[in-house]
PDB file of N, CA and C in Angstrom:
ATOM      1  N   MET A   1      44.726   8.329 -23.383  1.00  0.00           N
ATOM      2  CA  MET A   1      43.969   7.995 -22.204  1.00  0.00           C
ATOM      3  C   MET A   1      42.667   7.328 -22.623  1.00  0.00           C
ATOM      4  N   GLU A   2      42.574   6.071 -22.353  1.00  0.00           N
ATOM      5  CA  GLU A   2      41.374   5.328 -22.748  1.00  0.00           C
ATOM      6  C   GLU A   2      40.324   5.370 -21.656  1.00  0.00           C
ATOM      7  N   LYS A   3      39.105   5.466 -22.114  1.00  0.00           N
ATOM      8  CA  LYS A   3      37.970   5.431 -21.198  1.00  0.00           C
ATOM      9  C   LYS A   3      37.467   4.006 -21.096  1.00  0.00           C
ATOM     10  N   LYS A   4      37.188   3.584 -19.885  1.00  0.00           N
ATOM     11  CA  LYS A   4      36.624   2.254 -19.718  1.00  0.00           C
ATOM     12  C   LYS A   4      35.164   2.275 -20.163  1.00  0.00           C
ATOM     13  N   PRO A   5      34.758   1.240 -20.878  1.00  0.00           N
ATOM     14  CA  PRO A   5      33.345   1.199 -21.283  1.00  0.00           C
ATOM     15  C   PRO A   5      32.443   1.124 -20.050  1.00  0.00           C
ATOM     16  N   ARG A   6      31.400   1.910 -20.118  1.00  0.00           N
ATOM     17  CA  ARG A   6      30.471   1.932 -18.981  1.00  0.00           C
ATOM     18  C   ARG A   6      29.492   0.776 -19.102  1.00  0.00           C
ATOM     19  N   ILE A   7      29.171   0.208 -17.973  1.00  0.00           N
ATOM     20  CA  ILE A   7      28.182  -0.881 -17.932  1.00  0.00           C
ATOM     21  C   ILE A   7      26.890  -0.289 -17.382  1.00  0.00           C
ATOM     22  N   TYR A   8      25.858  -0.375 -18.210  1.00  0.00           N
ATOM     23  CA  TYR A   8      24.556   0.179 -17.841  1.00  0.00           C
ATOM     24  C   TYR A   8      23.684  -0.900 -17.225  1.00  0.00           C
ATOM     25  N   SER A   9      22.892  -0.468 -16.263  1.00  0.00           N
ATOM     26  CA  SER A   9      21.980  -1.421 -15.623  1.00  0.00           C
ATOM     27  C   SER A   9      20.528  -1.203 -16.039  1.00  0.00           C
ATOM     28  N   SER A  10      20.277  -0.107 -16.796  1.00  0.00           N
ATOM     29  CA  SER A  10      18.910   0.137 -17.246  1.00  0.00           C
ATOM     30  C   SER A  10      18.925   1.005 -18.505  1.00  0.00           C
ATOM     31  N   PHE A  11      17.792   0.959 -19.205  1.00  0.00           N
ATOM     32  CA  PHE A  11      17.644   1.801 -20.392  1.00  0.00           C
ATOM     33  C   PHE A  11      17.591   3.279 -20.020  1.00  0.00           C
ATOM     34  N   GLU A  12      17.104   3.577 -18.819  1.00  0.00           N
ATOM     35  CA  GLU A  12      17.037   4.961 -18.366  1.00  0.00           C
ATOM     36  C   GLU A  12      18.441   5.569 -18.274  1.00  0.00           C
ATOM     37  N   GLU A  13      19.413   4.804 -17.801  1.00  0.00           N
ATOM     38  CA  GLU A  13      20.791   5.278 -17.724  1.00  0.00           C
ATOM     39  C   GLU A  13      21.351   5.560 -19.126  1.00  0.00           C
ATOM     40  N   ILE A  14      21.019   4.681 -20.042  1.00  0.00           N
ATOM     41  CA  ILE A  14      21.462   4.870 -21.427  1.00  0.00           C
ATOM     42  C   ILE A  14      20.836   6.138 -22.000  1.00  0.00           C
ATOM     43  N   GLU A  15      19.545   6.307 -21.806  1.00  0.00           N
ATOM     44  CA  GLU A  15      18.842   7.489 -22.305  1.00  0.00           C
ATOM     45  C   GLU A  15      19.421   8.772 -21.714  1.00  0.00           C
ATOM     46  N   LEU A  16      19.715   8.743 -20.412  1.00  0.00           N
ATOM     47  CA  LEU A  16      20.284   9.910 -19.755  1.00  0.00           C
ATOM     48  C   LEU A  16      21.649  10.265 -20.362  1.00  0.00           C
ATOM     49  N   ASP A  17      22.497   9.260 -20.549  1.00  0.00           N
ATOM     50  CA  ASP A  17      23.807   9.515 -21.155  1.00  0.00           C
ATOM     51  C   ASP A  17      23.670  10.033 -22.587  1.00  0.00           C
ATOM     52  N   LEU A  18      22.706   9.512 -23.337  1.00  0.00           N
ATOM     53  CA  LEU A  18      22.487   9.988 -24.704  1.00  0.00           C
ATOM     54  C   LEU A  18      22.043  11.452 -24.714  1.00  0.00           C
ATOM     55  N   LYS A  19      21.177  11.812 -23.770  1.00  0.00           N
ATOM     56  CA  LYS A  19      20.744  13.204 -23.673  1.00  0.00           C
ATOM     57  C   LYS A  19      21.920  14.114 -23.325  1.00  0.00           C
ATOM     58  N   ILE A  20      22.766  13.674 -22.390  1.00  0.00           N
ATOM     59  CA  ILE A  20      23.937  14.463 -22.003  1.00  0.00           C
ATOM     60  C   ILE A  20      24.874  14.631 -23.192  1.00  0.00           C
ATOM     61  N   LEU A  21      25.136  13.565 -23.922  1.00  0.00           N
ATOM     62  CA  LEU A  21      26.018  13.629 -25.087  1.00  0.00           C
ATOM     63  C   LEU A  21      25.445  14.565 -26.161  1.00  0.00           C
ATOM     64  N   LYS A  22      24.126  14.514 -26.342  1.00  0.00           N
ATOM     65  CA  LYS A  22      23.495  15.391 -27.331  1.00  0.00           C
ATOM     66  C   LYS A  22      23.672  16.856 -26.938  1.00  0.00           C
ATOM     67  N   LEU A  23      23.462  17.164 -25.656  1.00  0.00           N
ATOM     68  CA  LEU A  23      23.636  18.544 -25.185  1.00  0.00           C
ATOM     69  C   LEU A  23      25.092  18.994 -25.313  1.00  0.00           C
ATOM     70  N   GLU A  24      26.027  18.096 -24.987  1.00  0.00           N
ATOM     71  CA  GLU A  24      27.443  18.440 -25.128  1.00  0.00           C
ATOM     72  C   GLU A  24      27.788  18.724 -26.589  1.00  0.00           C
ATOM     73  N   ARG A  25      27.231  17.930 -27.501  1.00  0.00           N
ATOM     74  CA  ARG A  25      27.472  18.143 -28.928  1.00  0.00           C
ATOM     75  C   ARG A  25      26.918  19.491 -29.371  1.00  0.00           C
ATOM     76  N   GLU A  26      25.716  19.851 -28.901  1.00  0.00           N
ATOM     77  CA  GLU A  26      25.120  21.140 -29.243  1.00  0.00           C
ATOM     78  C   GLU A  26      25.958  22.303 -28.696  1.00  0.00           C
ATOM     79  N   ILE A  27      26.478  22.137 -27.481  1.00  0.00           N
ATOM     80  CA  ILE A  27      27.322  23.175 -26.886  1.00  0.00           C
ATOM     81  C   ILE A  27      28.581  23.369 -27.732  1.00  0.00           C
ATOM     82  N   HIS A  28      29.220  22.271 -28.124  1.00  0.00           N
ATOM     83  CA  HIS A  28      30.429  22.362 -28.944  1.00  0.00           C
ATOM     84  C   HIS A  28      30.126  22.992 -30.303  1.00  0.00           C
ATOM     85  N   ALA A  29      28.994  22.652 -30.875  1.00  0.00           N
ATOM     86  CA  ALA A  29      28.618  23.233 -32.171  1.00  0.00           C
ATOM     87  C   ALA A  29      28.421  24.747 -32.035  1.00  0.00           C
ATOM     88  N   GLN A  30      27.795  25.194 -30.948  1.00  0.00           N
ATOM     89  CA  GLN A  30      27.598  26.621 -30.714  1.00  0.00           C
ATOM     90  C   GLN A  30      28.933  27.339 -30.511  1.00  0.00           C
ATOM     91  N   LYS A  31      29.857  26.689 -29.800  1.00  0.00           N
ATOM     92  CA  LYS A  31      31.179  27.289 -29.596  1.00  0.00           C
ATOM     93  C   LYS A  31      31.897  27.465 -30.931  1.00  0.00           C
ATOM     94  N   ILE A  32      31.804  26.482 -31.798  1.00  0.00           N
ATOM     95  CA  ILE A  32      32.428  26.576 -33.120  1.00  0.00           C
ATOM     96  C   ILE A  32      31.786  27.700 -33.917  1.00  0.00           C
ATOM     97  N   LYS A  33      30.448  27.769 -33.888  1.00  0.00           N
ATOM     98  CA  LYS A  33      29.725  28.819 -34.619  1.00  0.00           C
ATOM     99  C   LYS A  33      30.138  30.200 -34.110  1.00  0.00           C
ATOM    100  N   MET A  34      30.221  30.363 -32.794  1.00  0.00           N
ATOM    101  CA  MET A  34      30.613  31.647 -32.223  1.00  0.00           C
ATOM    102  C   MET A  34      32.054  31.986 -32.594  1.00  0.00           C
ATOM    103  N   GLY A  35      32.909  30.975 -32.660  1.00  0.00           N
ATOM    104  CA  GLY A  35      34.292  31.205 -33.064  1.00  0.00           C
ATOM    105  C   GLY A  35      34.383  31.713 -34.489  1.00  0.00           C
ATOM    106  N   PHE A  36      33.585  31.128 -35.394  1.00  0.00           N
ATOM    107  CA  PHE A  36      33.562  31.594 -36.781  1.00  0.00           C
ATOM    108  C   PHE A  36      33.045  33.021 -36.874  1.00  0.00           C
ATOM    109  N   GLU A  37      31.994  33.328 -36.121  1.00  0.00           N
ATOM    110  CA  GLU A  37      31.433  34.677 -36.149  1.00  0.00           C
ATOM    111  C   GLU A  37      32.448  35.694 -35.637  1.00  0.00           C
ATOM    112  N   LYS A  38      33.144  35.347 -34.559  1.00  0.00           N
ATOM    113  CA  LYS A  38      34.146  36.254 -33.995  1.00  0.00           C
ATOM    114  C   LYS A  38      35.296  36.457 -34.980  1.00  0.00           C
ATOM    115  N   THR A  39      35.683  35.384 -35.658  1.00  0.00           N
ATOM    116  CA  THR A  39      36.744  35.495 -36.655  1.00  0.00           C
ATOM    117  C   THR A  39      36.305  36.425 -37.776  1.00  0.00           C
ATOM    118  N   GLY A  40      35.058  36.292 -38.216  1.00  0.00           N
ATOM    119  CA  GLY A  40      34.538  37.172 -39.261  1.00  0.00           C
ATOM    120  C   GLY A  40      34.548  38.620 -38.831  1.00  0.00           C
ATOM    121  N   GLU A  41      34.165  38.879 -37.577  1.00  0.00           N
ATOM    122  CA  GLU A  41      34.171  40.250 -37.069  1.00  0.00           C
ATOM    123  C   GLU A  41      35.596  40.788 -37.014  1.00  0.00           C
ATOM    124  N   ASN A  42      36.529  39.968 -36.584  1.00  0.00           N
ATOM    125  CA  ASN A  42      37.918  40.409 -36.463  1.00  0.00           C
ATOM    126  C   ASN A  42      38.549  40.698 -37.810  1.00  0.00           C
ATOM    127  N   LEU A  43      38.024  40.108 -38.880  1.00  0.00           N
ATOM    128  CA  LEU A  43      38.606  40.299 -40.202  1.00  0.00           C
ATOM    129  C   LEU A  43      37.980  41.452 -40.975  1.00  0.00           C
ATOM    130  N   ARG A  44      37.049  42.164 -40.373  1.00  0.00           N
ATOM    131  CA  ARG A  44      36.485  43.347 -41.026  1.00  0.00           C
ATOM    132  C   ARG A  44      37.567  44.427 -41.097  1.00  0.00           C
ATOM    133  N   PRO A  45      37.594  45.189 -42.182  1.00  0.00           N
ATOM    134  CA  PRO A  45      38.679  46.167 -42.365  1.00  0.00           C
ATOM    135  C   PRO A  45      38.874  47.130 -41.197  1.00  0.00           C
ATOM    136  N   MET A  46      37.801  47.685 -40.661  1.00  0.00           N
ATOM    137  CA  MET A  46      37.966  48.650 -39.569  1.00  0.00           C
ATOM    138  C   MET A  46      38.492  47.973 -38.305  1.00  0.00           C
ATOM    139  N   ASN A  47      38.095  46.731 -38.074  1.00  0.00           N
ATOM    140  CA  ASN A  47      38.610  46.019 -36.906  1.00  0.00           C
ATOM    141  C   ASN A  47      40.079  45.664 -37.086  1.00  0.00           C
ATOM    142  N   LEU A  48      40.471  45.310 -38.317  1.00  0.00           N
ATOM    143  CA  LEU A  48      41.886  45.057 -38.587  1.00  0.00           C
ATOM    144  C   LEU A  48      42.702  46.324 -38.353  1.00  0.00           C
ATOM    145  N   LEU A  49      42.165  47.441 -38.831  1.00  0.00           N
ATOM    146  CA  LEU A  49      42.843  48.717 -38.647  1.00  0.00           C
ATOM    147  C   LEU A  49      42.936  49.066 -37.167  1.00  0.00           C
ATOM    148  N   ARG A  50      41.867  48.851 -36.447  1.00  0.00           N
ATOM    149  CA  ARG A  50      41.843  49.128 -35.005  1.00  0.00           C
ATOM    150  C   ARG A  50      42.887  48.277 -34.290  1.00  0.00           C
ATOM    151  N   ASP A  51      42.997  47.017 -34.678  1.00  0.00           N
ATOM    152  CA  ASP A  51      44.004  46.148 -34.065  1.00  0.00           C
ATOM    153  C   ASP A  51      45.412  46.605 -34.414  1.00  0.00           C
ATOM    154  N   TYR A  52      45.591  47.079 -35.635  1.00  0.00           N
ATOM    155  CA  TYR A  52      46.909  47.527 -36.074  1.00  0.00           C
ATOM    156  C   TYR A  52      47.336  48.798 -35.340  1.00  0.00           C
ATOM    157  N   ILE A  53      46.413  49.749 -35.238  1.00  0.00           N
ATOM    158  CA  ILE A  53      46.719  51.030 -34.608  1.00  0.00           C
ATOM    159  C   ILE A  53      46.728  50.897 -33.092  1.00  0.00           C
ATOM    160  N   GLY A  54      45.798  50.136 -32.593  1.00  0.00           N
ATOM    161  CA  GLY A  54      45.642  49.996 -31.147  1.00  0.00           C
ATOM    162  C   GLY A  54      44.383  50.707 -30.708  1.00  0.00           C
ATOM    163  N   GLU A  55      43.638  50.062 -29.835  1.00  0.00           N
ATOM    164  CA  GLU A  55      42.351  50.628 -29.418  1.00  0.00           C
ATOM    165  C   GLU A  55      42.513  51.866 -28.557  1.00  0.00           C
ATOM    166  N   GLY A  56      43.648  51.997 -27.886  1.00  0.00           N
ATOM    167  CA  GLY A  56      43.856  53.151 -27.015  1.00  0.00           C
ATOM    168  C   GLY A  56      44.063  54.428 -27.781  1.00  0.00           C
ATOM    169  N   ASN A  57      44.324  54.331 -29.076  1.00  0.00           N
ATOM    170  CA  ASN A  57      44.592  55.511 -29.884  1.00  0.00           C
ATOM    171  C   ASN A  57      43.351  55.871 -30.700  1.00  0.00           C
ATOM    172  N   GLY A  58      42.293  56.229 -30.027  1.00  0.00           N
ATOM    173  CA  GLY A  58      41.006  56.496 -30.665  1.00  0.00           C
ATOM    174  C   GLY A  58      41.000  57.694 -31.586  1.00  0.00           C
ATOM    175  N   THR A  59      41.793  58.729 -31.289  1.00  0.00           N
ATOM    176  CA  THR A  59      41.789  59.916 -32.147  1.00  0.00           C
ATOM    177  C   THR A  59      42.383  59.597 -33.509  1.00  0.00           C
ATOM    178  N   THR A  60      43.445  58.799 -33.537  1.00  0.00           N
ATOM    179  CA  THR A  60      44.052  58.418 -34.822  1.00  0.00           C
ATOM    180  C   THR A  60      43.067  57.578 -35.630  1.00  0.00           C
ATOM    181  N   LEU A  61      42.417  56.641 -34.969  1.00  0.00           N
ATOM    182  CA  LEU A  61      41.447  55.787 -35.650  1.00  0.00           C
ATOM    183  C   LEU A  61      40.294  56.625 -36.184  1.00  0.00           C
ATOM    184  N   SER A  62      39.794  57.551 -35.392  1.00  0.00           N
ATOM    185  CA  SER A  62      38.691  58.405 -35.831  1.00  0.00           C
ATOM    186  C   SER A  62      39.108  59.242 -37.040  1.00  0.00           C
ATOM    187  N   MET A  63      40.332  59.746 -37.029  1.00  0.00           N
ATOM    188  CA  MET A  63      40.827  60.546 -38.142  1.00  0.00           C
ATOM    189  C   MET A  63      40.942  59.677 -39.398  1.00  0.00           C
ATOM    190  N   ILE A  64      41.431  58.465 -39.244  1.00  0.00           N
ATOM    191  CA  ILE A  64      41.557  57.559 -40.390  1.00  0.00           C
ATOM    192  C   ILE A  64      40.178  57.198 -40.937  1.00  0.00           C
ATOM    193  N   GLU A  65      39.204  56.984 -40.050  1.00  0.00           N
ATOM    194  CA  GLU A  65      37.835  56.691 -40.490  1.00  0.00           C
ATOM    195  C   GLU A  65      37.299  57.844 -41.335  1.00  0.00           C
ATOM    196  N   GLN A  66      37.538  59.069 -40.902  1.00  0.00           N
ATOM    197  CA  GLN A  66      37.065  60.239 -41.643  1.00  0.00           C
ATOM    198  C   GLN A  66      37.746  60.329 -43.005  1.00  0.00           C
ATOM    199  N   ILE A  67      39.041  60.042 -43.050  1.00  0.00           N
ATOM    200  CA  ILE A  67      39.778  60.083 -44.323  1.00  0.00           C
ATOM    201  C   ILE A  67      39.246  59.019 -45.274  1.00  0.00           C
ATOM    202  N   VAL A  68      39.012  57.815 -44.750  1.00  0.00           N
ATOM    203  CA  VAL A  68      38.494  56.727 -45.591  1.00  0.00           C
ATOM    204  C   VAL A  68      37.118  57.098 -46.134  1.00  0.00           C
ATOM    205  N   LYS A  69      36.249  57.648 -45.300  1.00  0.00           N
ATOM    206  CA  LYS A  69      34.920  58.062 -45.750  1.00  0.00           C
ATOM    207  C   LYS A  69      35.020  59.129 -46.835  1.00  0.00           C
ATOM    208  N   PHE A  70      35.919  60.094 -46.647  1.00  0.00           N
ATOM    209  CA  PHE A  70      36.102  61.153 -47.635  1.00  0.00           C
ATOM    210  C   PHE A  70      36.572  60.578 -48.966  1.00  0.00           C
ATOM    211  N   ILE A  71      37.541  59.673 -48.915  1.00  0.00           N
ATOM    212  CA  ILE A  71      38.066  59.060 -50.140  1.00  0.00           C
ATOM    213  C   ILE A  71      36.977  58.271 -50.854  1.00  0.00           C
ATOM    214  N   LEU A  72      36.192  57.528 -50.096  1.00  0.00           N
ATOM    215  CA  LEU A  72      35.103  56.757 -50.707  1.00  0.00           C
ATOM    216  C   LEU A  72      34.064  57.660 -51.352  1.00  0.00           C
ATOM    217  N   GLN A  73      33.707  58.754 -50.673  1.00  0.00           N
ATOM    218  CA  GLN A  73      32.746  59.702 -51.244  1.00  0.00           C
ATOM    219  C   GLN A  73      33.309  60.345 -52.504  1.00  0.00           C
ATOM    220  N   PHE A  74      34.579  60.712 -52.477  1.00  0.00           N
ATOM    221  CA  PHE A  74      35.231  61.317 -53.631  1.00  0.00           C
ATOM    222  C   PHE A  74      35.241  60.343 -54.810  1.00  0.00           C
ATOM    223  N   ALA A  75      35.604  59.085 -54.548  1.00  0.00           N
ATOM    224  CA  ALA A  75      35.647  58.079 -55.609  1.00  0.00           C
ATOM    225  C   ALA A  75      34.252  57.832 -56.168  1.00  0.00           C
ATOM    226  N   LEU A  76      33.257  57.824 -55.318  1.00  0.00           N
ATOM    227  CA  LEU A  76      31.882  57.603 -55.754  1.00  0.00           C
ATOM    228  C   LEU A  76      31.423  58.749 -56.657  1.00  0.00           C
ATOM    229  N   LYS A  77      31.733  59.975 -56.270  1.00  0.00           N
ATOM    230  CA  LYS A  77      31.361  61.125 -57.108  1.00  0.00           C
ATOM    231  C   LYS A  77      32.047  61.069 -58.470  1.00  0.00           C
ATOM    232  N   LYS A  78      33.318  60.691 -58.480  1.00  0.00           N
ATOM    233  CA  LYS A  78      34.052  60.594 -59.748  1.00  0.00           C
ATOM    234  C   LYS A  78      33.468  59.525 -60.641  1.00  0.00           C
ATOM    235  N   SER A  79      33.079  58.404 -60.063  1.00  0.00           N
ATOM    236  CA  SER A  79      32.506  57.332 -60.882  1.00  0.00           C
ATOM    237  C   SER A  79      31.141  57.728 -61.429  1.00  0.00           C
ATOM    238  N   GLU A  80      30.370  58.515 -60.645  1.00  0.00           N
ATOM    239  CA  GLU A  80      29.069  58.997 -61.118  1.00  0.00           C
ATOM    240  C   GLU A  80      29.252  60.022 -62.236  1.00  0.00           C
ATOM    241  N   GLU A  81      30.302  60.846 -62.167  1.00  0.00           N
ATOM    242  CA  GLU A  81      30.561  61.850 -63.200  1.00  0.00           C
ATOM    243  C   GLU A  81      30.928  61.192 -64.527  1.00  0.00           C
ATOM    244  N   LYS A  82      31.611  60.069 -64.479  1.00  0.00           N
ATOM    245  CA  LYS A  82      32.022  59.362 -65.693  1.00  0.00           C
ATOM    246  C   LYS A  82      30.821  58.765 -66.426  1.00  0.00           C
ATOM    247  N   GLU A  83      29.798  58.452 -65.692  1.00  0.00           N
ATOM    248  CA  GLU A  83      28.618  57.828 -66.298  1.00  0.00           C
ATOM    249  C   GLU A  83      27.814  58.884 -66.955  1.00  0.00           C
TER     250      GLU A  83
END
């Protein structure tokens, strides 16, 4: 779908269109940035786990969080003992 070239009758019209295009570009850039941020959040381990288990199953997720914390604390203590 081709756009017909616009015929401007004044510099003010050109300036207005340039301002609109600049704002549209900034909006698109923000949408891309927000998309990257959301993707980063979705790829965090706990969010991946939440998606896998399902958000409606909060007790299972809470139990898994506690197990993961316990394992991490245990591993940390073991590594400190070796030093």
